[in-house]
């Protein structure tokens, strides 16, 4: 399962409305190679659900994850912070053995 905090839910809803996405556009979370720690998170809106996708729902937010990325993301919580120490979506990933200082990449 992938979880969503209230802050992330509110920001996703705000961005969805600002950018003109409909409620059929879900959040797609994936993992790609790159970054200073080896793997990077990718987060975007997607209306398409593919056969290889796992679909999770938390706080009325549907999250699409391809099966390959799911191995790295299982149990992750998506949060949003707008504090002094950084603004943006953050991934609280129990599978990550280390992450870079900016929080955009990780290793397992």
Protein backbone atom coordinates (compact mmCIF):
# COMPACT_ATOMS: atom_id res chain seq x y z
CA UNK A 1 0.00 0.00 0.00
CA UNK A 2 1.00 3.59 -0.62
CA UNK A 3 -0.27 6.14 1.90
CA UNK A 4 -1.09 9.85 1.57
CA UNK A 5 -0.96 12.42 4.38
CA UNK A 6 -3.61 15.10 4.71
CA UNK A 7 -1.09 17.73 3.54
CA UNK A 8 -0.33 15.74 0.39
CA UNK A 9 -4.02 15.11 -0.27
CA UNK A 10 -4.81 18.82 -0.03
CA UNK A 11 -1.91 19.80 -2.30
CA UNK A 12 -2.79 17.13 -4.89
CA UNK A 13 -6.39 18.39 -4.98
CA UNK A 14 -5.19 21.99 -5.29
CA UNK A 15 -2.78 21.22 -8.15
CA UNK A 16 -5.35 19.04 -9.93
CA UNK A 17 -7.80 21.96 -9.92
CA UNK A 18 -5.22 24.65 -10.81
CA UNK A 19 -3.88 22.70 -13.78
CA UNK A 20 -7.31 21.70 -15.06
CA UNK A 21 -7.08 17.95 -14.48
CA UNK A 22 -10.33 16.08 -13.91
CA UNK A 23 -10.95 13.63 -11.09
CA UNK A 24 -10.22 10.84 -13.59
CA UNK A 25 -6.56 11.90 -13.46
CA UNK A 26 -4.92 9.88 -10.71
CA UNK A 27 -1.49 10.19 -9.16
CA UNK A 28 1.17 7.99 -10.74
CA UNK A 29 4.21 7.25 -8.58
CA UNK A 30 7.18 5.46 -10.08
CA UNK A 31 10.87 4.85 -9.52
CA UNK A 32 13.51 5.53 -12.15
CA UNK A 33 17.26 5.16 -12.22
CA UNK A 34 19.25 8.31 -11.54
CA UNK A 35 20.00 10.90 -8.92
CA UNK A 36 22.95 10.97 -6.57
CA UNK A 37 21.75 7.91 -4.62
CA UNK A 38 20.86 5.75 -7.64
CA UNK A 39 17.05 5.83 -7.78
CA UNK A 40 14.66 8.74 -8.22
CA UNK A 41 10.97 9.20 -7.52
CA UNK A 42 8.66 10.32 -10.34
CA UNK A 43 5.26 11.81 -9.53
CA UNK A 44 2.65 12.99 -12.05
CA UNK A 45 -1.02 12.86 -13.04
CA UNK A 46 -2.24 10.08 -15.31
CA UNK A 47 -5.74 9.19 -16.52
CA UNK A 48 -4.62 5.84 -17.94
CA UNK A 49 -4.53 2.66 -15.85
CA UNK A 50 -2.33 -0.01 -17.44
CA UNK A 51 -2.63 -3.78 -16.89
CA UNK A 52 0.70 -3.85 -15.00
CA UNK A 53 -0.46 -1.15 -12.55
CA UNK A 54 -1.38 -1.65 -8.93
CA UNK A 55 -4.04 0.82 -7.80
CA UNK A 56 -4.18 2.05 -4.22
CA UNK A 57 -6.56 4.52 -2.65
CA UNK A 58 -5.96 6.52 0.50
CA UNK A 59 -7.97 9.55 1.62
CA UNK A 60 -9.90 9.44 -1.70
CA UNK A 61 -6.67 9.82 -3.70
CA UNK A 62 -6.05 7.02 -6.20
CA UNK A 63 -2.39 6.13 -6.65
CA UNK A 64 -1.11 4.17 -9.65
CA UNK A 65 2.15 2.24 -9.32
CA UNK A 66 3.69 -0.10 -11.89
CA UNK A 67 4.71 -3.48 -10.50
CA UNK A 68 8.45 -2.85 -10.91
CA UNK A 69 8.28 0.39 -8.92
CA UNK A 70 6.05 -1.20 -6.29
CA UNK A 71 8.99 -3.30 -5.08
CA UNK A 72 10.72 -0.07 -4.03
CA UNK A 73 7.64 1.82 -2.85
CA UNK A 74 5.60 -0.61 -0.78
CA UNK A 75 4.68 1.02 2.53
CA UNK A 76 5.74 4.50 1.40
CA UNK A 77 3.88 7.58 2.61
CA UNK A 78 3.55 10.60 0.31
CA UNK A 79 3.69 13.87 2.24
CA UNK A 80 3.83 17.55 1.34
CA UNK A 81 5.79 20.19 3.21
CA UNK A 82 5.95 23.91 2.68
CA UNK A 83 8.25 24.67 5.60
CA UNK A 84 11.54 26.48 5.79
CA UNK A 85 13.55 23.30 5.22
CA UNK A 86 12.09 22.68 1.81
CA UNK A 87 8.88 22.85 -0.11
CA UNK A 88 7.36 20.04 -2.07
CA UNK A 89 6.28 16.44 -2.02
CA UNK A 90 8.31 14.11 0.16
CA UNK A 91 8.45 10.33 0.16
CA UNK A 92 8.72 8.61 3.52
CA UNK A 93 10.03 5.28 2.28
CA UNK A 94 10.72 2.47 4.78
CA UNK A 95 12.59 0.54 2.03
CA UNK A 96 15.25 3.22 1.47
CA UNK A 97 18.60 2.45 3.08
CA UNK A 98 19.84 5.97 2.34
CA UNK A 99 18.70 9.09 0.55
CA UNK A 100 20.38 12.21 -0.73
CA UNK A 101 20.27 15.51 1.11
CA UNK A 102 17.58 16.96 -1.14
CA UNK A 103 15.35 13.88 -0.72
CA UNK A 104 14.83 13.38 -4.44
CA UNK A 105 16.82 10.17 -4.77
CA UNK A 106 17.38 7.09 -2.66
CA UNK A 107 19.03 3.67 -2.52
CA UNK A 108 17.82 0.31 -1.23
